[in-house]
Amino acid sequence: MITYEARDGTVVLFAEEFTTEADERAMIASASPRAMAALLDGFTRAHAEEAAMNRRATDGQKAITWGDCVTRQWEGVTIWGTITPLALVARDERDHGAPAAEVMALIARLEDGYARGWRYGRWHSVISPEGEYGAAHVADLAPVTVAEFDAAQWNGWRS
């Protein structure tokens, strides 16, 4: 999450797992002079961390694609996910009343993230059994079979 002060003094929260160039340009344009250096420094650190994750990712992790089942670890909890195909993302957004321009912008954002190693999906765990949408980097993911995913679901997302 990125938090910074806007030019008008309001606090801005950007709660996404990764930024795009357009996101960064918009934040820079709206940031107060006092917040600018920290914001730019944060982008530099995030770019370096993303580059390190891409170097660390194996060929098998980089091959994770739309519709695949995966796991990842977070603070000792196994998180089970499915990488949501973009057609389903677009359909769900339209079904919830999102305007076409907003859907197209979201799809472009997810495609940009995908090219940089980020996978958008629905993530389930014992903490959030119903699942929640978000993105994770392939360097943190491990592929699993549909049968393993289904068994985890059957067992209440316990590994």
Protein backbone atom coordinates (compact mmCIF):
# COMPACT_ATOMS: atom_id res chain seq x y z
CA MET A 1 0.00 0.00 0.00
CA ILE A 2 1.23 3.47 -0.87
CA THR A 3 0.21 6.41 1.30
CA TYR A 4 1.14 9.97 0.42
CA GLU A 5 0.02 13.56 0.84
CA ALA A 6 -1.68 15.17 -2.16
CA ARG A 7 -1.16 18.79 -3.19
CA ASP A 8 -4.43 19.78 -1.47
CA GLY A 9 -3.27 18.22 1.82
CA THR A 10 -5.46 15.12 1.70
CA VAL A 11 -3.96 11.71 2.37
CA VAL A 12 -4.08 9.34 -0.59
CA LEU A 13 -4.07 5.56 -0.17
CA PHE A 14 -3.19 3.40 -3.17
CA ALA A 15 -3.98 -0.20 -2.23
CA GLU A 16 -2.74 -2.31 -5.13
CA GLU A 17 -0.03 -4.97 -5.20
CA PHE A 18 1.85 -3.30 -8.06
CA THR A 19 1.90 0.04 -9.87
CA THR A 20 1.87 0.80 -13.57
CA GLU A 21 3.66 3.71 -15.23
CA ALA A 22 0.28 5.44 -15.50
CA ASP A 23 -0.36 4.92 -11.76
CA GLU A 24 3.02 6.40 -10.92
CA ARG A 25 2.57 9.39 -13.24
CA ALA A 26 -0.83 10.12 -11.67
CA MET A 27 0.56 9.89 -8.14
CA ILE A 28 3.53 12.12 -8.98
CA ALA A 29 1.22 14.68 -10.58
CA SER A 30 -1.02 14.78 -7.50
CA ALA A 31 1.64 14.59 -4.77
CA SER A 32 2.54 17.52 -2.56
CA PRO A 33 6.11 18.81 -2.90
CA ARG A 34 6.76 17.53 0.63
CA ALA A 35 5.70 13.98 -0.36
CA MET A 36 7.46 13.85 -3.74
CA ALA A 37 10.92 12.60 -2.66
CA ALA A 38 9.51 9.76 -0.55
CA LEU A 39 7.12 8.77 -3.31
CA LEU A 40 9.88 8.65 -5.94
CA ASP A 41 12.12 6.72 -3.55
CA GLY A 42 9.30 4.23 -2.94
CA PHE A 43 8.86 3.68 -6.68
CA THR A 44 12.62 3.11 -7.08
CA ARG A 45 12.61 0.51 -4.26
CA ALA A 46 9.49 -1.21 -5.66
CA HIS A 47 11.07 -1.45 -9.13
CA ALA A 48 14.23 -2.98 -7.63
CA GLU A 49 12.18 -5.48 -5.59
CA GLU A 50 10.16 -6.46 -8.66
CA ALA A 51 13.35 -6.95 -10.70
CA ALA A 52 14.76 -9.16 -7.92
CA MET A 53 11.55 -11.22 -7.85
CA ASN A 54 11.72 -11.67 -11.62
CA ARG A 55 15.33 -12.88 -11.34
CA ARG A 56 14.35 -15.27 -8.53
CA ALA A 57 11.34 -16.76 -10.35
CA THR A 58 11.91 -20.18 -11.90
CA ASP A 59 10.82 -21.11 -15.41
CA GLY A 60 7.99 -23.15 -13.86
CA GLN A 61 6.77 -20.13 -11.91
CA LYS A 62 7.02 -17.87 -14.95
CA ALA A 63 4.84 -20.38 -16.86
CA ILE A 64 1.91 -19.92 -14.43
CA THR A 65 -0.94 -18.58 -16.52
CA TRP A 66 -4.67 -17.84 -16.67
CA GLY A 67 -6.78 -20.58 -15.09
CA ASP A 68 -3.91 -22.24 -13.21
CA CYS A 69 -4.17 -23.28 -9.57
CA VAL A 70 -1.39 -22.17 -7.22
CA THR A 71 -0.38 -21.80 -3.60
CA ARG A 72 1.68 -19.23 -1.74
CA GLN A 73 2.65 -18.66 1.86
CA TRP A 74 1.83 -15.61 3.95
CA GLU A 75 2.86 -15.38 7.58
CA GLY A 76 2.66 -19.16 8.04
CA VAL A 77 -0.69 -19.49 6.26
CA THR A 78 -1.07 -21.41 3.02
CA ILE A 79 -3.05 -19.42 0.48
CA TRP A 80 -4.68 -21.27 -2.41
CA GLY A 81 -5.47 -19.42 -5.60
CA THR A 82 -6.72 -19.63 -9.13
CA ILE A 83 -5.39 -17.22 -11.72
CA THR A 84 -8.53 -15.59 -13.11
CA PRO A 85 -8.78 -15.43 -16.93
CA LEU A 86 -9.23 -11.87 -18.17
CA ALA A 87 -12.51 -12.70 -19.92
CA LEU A 88 -13.97 -13.67 -16.53
CA VAL A 89 -12.61 -10.52 -14.90
CA ALA A 90 -14.22 -8.41 -17.63
CA ARG A 91 -17.52 -10.27 -17.36
CA ASP A 92 -17.64 -9.92 -13.57
CA GLU A 93 -16.85 -6.20 -13.75
CA ARG A 94 -19.56 -5.63 -16.39
CA ASP A 95 -22.03 -7.71 -14.34
CA HIS A 96 -21.35 -5.41 -11.38
CA GLY A 97 -22.12 -2.33 -13.48
CA ALA A 98 -18.64 -1.10 -14.31
CA PRO A 99 -18.57 1.17 -17.37
CA ALA A 100 -16.78 -0.20 -20.45
CA ALA A 101 -13.92 2.30 -20.14
CA GLU A 102 -13.28 1.20 -16.55
CA VAL A 103 -13.29 -2.48 -17.56
CA MET A 104 -10.85 -1.80 -20.40
CA ALA A 105 -8.55 0.13 -18.06
CA LEU A 106 -8.58 -2.72 -15.53
CA ILE A 107 -7.80 -5.32 -18.21
CA ALA A 108 -4.92 -3.17 -19.52
CA ARG A 109 -3.59 -2.85 -15.94
CA LEU A 110 -3.76 -6.61 -15.36
CA GLU A 111 -2.06 -7.31 -18.72
CA ASP A 112 0.73 -4.89 -17.77
CA GLY A 113 1.16 -6.63 -14.43
CA TYR A 114 1.08 -10.07 -16.06
CA ALA A 115 3.96 -9.11 -18.38
CA ARG A 116 5.96 -8.12 -15.27
CA GLY A 117 5.30 -11.35 -13.36
CA TRP A 118 2.11 -10.45 -11.46
CA ARG A 119 -0.82 -12.86 -11.50
CA TYR A 120 -4.34 -11.73 -10.63
CA GLY A 121 -6.62 -14.25 -9.06
CA ARG A 122 -8.94 -15.26 -6.29
CA TRP A 123 -7.12 -16.28 -3.10
CA HIS A 124 -8.54 -18.59 -0.40
CA SER A 125 -7.24 -19.64 3.03
CA VAL A 126 -8.42 -20.65 6.47
CA ILE A 127 -8.51 -16.90 7.19
CA SER A 128 -10.56 -16.02 4.10
CA PRO A 129 -12.35 -19.20 2.99
CA GLU A 130 -14.68 -17.35 0.61
CA GLY A 131 -11.65 -15.88 -1.13
CA GLU A 132 -10.63 -12.41 -2.17
CA TYR A 133 -9.26 -10.99 -5.39
CA GLY A 134 -5.76 -9.61 -5.70
CA ALA A 135 -2.40 -10.07 -7.35
CA ALA A 136 0.73 -11.97 -6.36
CA HIS A 137 4.11 -12.22 -8.03
CA VAL A 138 5.01 -15.55 -9.66
CA ALA A 139 8.20 -15.71 -7.58
CA ASP A 140 5.95 -16.33 -4.56
CA LEU A 141 3.69 -18.90 -6.24
CA ALA A 142 3.88 -22.69 -6.57
CA PRO A 143 1.75 -24.50 -9.15
CA VAL A 144 -0.68 -27.16 -7.86
CA THR A 145 -3.06 -29.48 -9.63
CA VAL A 146 -6.80 -28.95 -9.80
CA ALA A 147 -7.15 -32.10 -7.66
CA GLU A 148 -4.87 -30.61 -4.97
CA PHE A 149 -6.80 -27.33 -5.08
CA ASP A 150 -10.15 -29.15 -4.82
CA ALA A 151 -8.88 -31.25 -1.90
CA ALA A 152 -7.74 -28.12 -0.08
CA GLN A 153 -11.15 -26.55 -0.63
CA TRP A 154 -12.85 -29.69 0.67
CA ASN A 155 -10.60 -29.55 3.76
CA GLY A 156 -11.45 -25.91 4.54
CA TRP A 157 -8.26 -24.61 2.87
CA ARG A 158 -6.00 -26.45 5.30
CA SER A 159 -2.86 -27.75 3.67
